[in-house]
């Protein structure tokens, strides 16, 4: 597994963990925080997939 694939896997794991915390959080402030954090990790994962695809095409 390449460094980029390792990072992609980590971002996907963090996204899932934040989504779980969002569902379980009883405090609305924490729920909103983890929701935004999961969205940021999801975006990073998408960018990492794009970087992997670009590198593979080169």
C-alpha atoms as a PDB file:
ATOM      1  CA  UNK A   1       0.000   0.000   0.000  1.00  0.00           C
ATOM      2  CA  UNK A   2       1.360   3.391  -0.967  1.00  0.00           C
ATOM      3  CA  UNK A   3       1.617   6.424   1.257  1.00  0.00           C
ATOM      4  CA  UNK A   4      -1.343   8.016  -0.530  1.00  0.00           C
ATOM      5  CA  UNK A   5      -3.484   4.916  -0.027  1.00  0.00           C
ATOM      6  CA  UNK A   6      -2.541   4.883   3.654  1.00  0.00           C
ATOM      7  CA  UNK A   7      -3.679   8.493   3.988  1.00  0.00           C
ATOM      8  CA  UNK A   8      -6.912   7.751   2.123  1.00  0.00           C
ATOM      9  CA  UNK A   9      -7.683   4.874   4.465  1.00  0.00           C
ATOM     10  CA  UNK A  10      -6.976   7.086   7.482  1.00  0.00           C
ATOM     11  CA  UNK A  11      -9.275   9.860   6.215  1.00  0.00           C
ATOM     12  CA  UNK A  12     -12.043   7.333   5.547  1.00  0.00           C
ATOM     13  CA  UNK A  13     -11.648   5.906   9.056  1.00  0.00           C
ATOM     14  CA  UNK A  14     -11.735   9.357  10.617  1.00  0.00           C
ATOM     15  CA  UNK A  15     -14.845  10.213   8.597  1.00  0.00           C
ATOM     16  CA  UNK A  16     -16.626   7.115   9.877  1.00  0.00           C
ATOM     17  CA  UNK A  17     -15.569   7.775  13.465  1.00  0.00           C
ATOM     18  CA  UNK A  18     -16.783  11.378  13.354  1.00  0.00           C
ATOM     19  CA  UNK A  19     -20.089  10.302  11.817  1.00  0.00           C
ATOM     20  CA  UNK A  20     -20.568   7.791  14.627  1.00  0.00           C
ATOM     21  CA  UNK A  21     -19.797  10.404  17.265  1.00  0.00           C
ATOM     22  CA  UNK A  22     -22.248  12.757  15.543  1.00  0.00           C
ATOM     23  CA  UNK A  23     -25.004  10.152  15.861  1.00  0.00           C
ATOM     24  CA  UNK A  24     -24.196   9.414  19.500  1.00  0.00           C
ATOM     25  CA  UNK A  25     -23.586  12.960  20.761  1.00  0.00           C
ATOM     26  CA  UNK A  26     -26.272  14.357  23.025  1.00  0.00           C
ATOM     27  CA  UNK A  27     -24.803  17.866  23.101  1.00  0.00           C
ATOM     28  CA  UNK A  28     -25.856  19.827  20.008  1.00  0.00           C
ATOM     29  CA  UNK A  29     -22.588  21.787  19.962  1.00  0.00           C
ATOM     30  CA  UNK A  30     -20.513  18.606  19.867  1.00  0.00           C
ATOM     31  CA  UNK A  31     -22.854  17.065  17.316  1.00  0.00           C
ATOM     32  CA  UNK A  32     -22.416  20.060  15.013  1.00  0.00           C
ATOM     33  CA  UNK A  33     -18.634  20.069  15.527  1.00  0.00           C
ATOM     34  CA  UNK A  34     -18.236  16.391  14.624  1.00  0.00           C
ATOM     35  CA  UNK A  35     -20.607  16.743  11.685  1.00  0.00           C
ATOM     36  CA  UNK A  36     -18.422  19.524  10.236  1.00  0.00           C
ATOM     37  CA  UNK A  37     -15.274  17.551  11.010  1.00  0.00           C
ATOM     38  CA  UNK A  38     -16.629  14.473   9.219  1.00  0.00           C
ATOM     39  CA  UNK A  39     -17.442  16.624   6.181  1.00  0.00           C
ATOM     40  CA  UNK A  40     -13.877  17.947   6.131  1.00  0.00           C
ATOM     41  CA  UNK A  41     -12.423  14.431   6.355  1.00  0.00           C
ATOM     42  CA  UNK A  42     -14.796  13.290   3.592  1.00  0.00           C
ATOM     43  CA  UNK A  43     -13.494  16.106   1.387  1.00  0.00           C
ATOM     44  CA  UNK A  44      -9.882  15.199   2.163  1.00  0.00           C
ATOM     45  CA  UNK A  45     -10.630  11.577   1.247  1.00  0.00           C
ATOM     46  CA  UNK A  46     -12.148  12.688  -2.062  1.00  0.00           C
ATOM     47  CA  UNK A  47      -9.084  14.805  -2.811  1.00  0.00           C
ATOM     48  CA  UNK A  48      -6.819  11.894  -1.921  1.00  0.00           C
ATOM     49  CA  UNK A  49      -8.757   9.582  -4.283  1.00  0.00           C
ATOM     50  CA  UNK A  50      -8.282  12.168  -7.009  1.00  0.00           C
ATOM     51  CA  UNK A  51      -4.542  12.373  -6.299  1.00  0.00           C
ATOM     52  CA  UNK A  52      -4.255   8.577  -6.455  1.00  0.00           C
ATOM     53  CA  UNK A  53      -6.155   8.487  -9.761  1.00  0.00           C
ATOM     54  CA  UNK A  54      -3.995  11.255 -11.193  1.00  0.00           C
ATOM     55  CA  UNK A  55      -0.814   9.482 -10.135  1.00  0.00           C
ATOM     56  CA  UNK A  56      -2.048   6.193 -11.604  1.00  0.00           C
ATOM     57  CA  UNK A  57      -2.864   7.870 -14.916  1.00  0.00           C
ATOM     58  CA  UNK A  58       0.600   9.400 -15.182  1.00  0.00           C
END
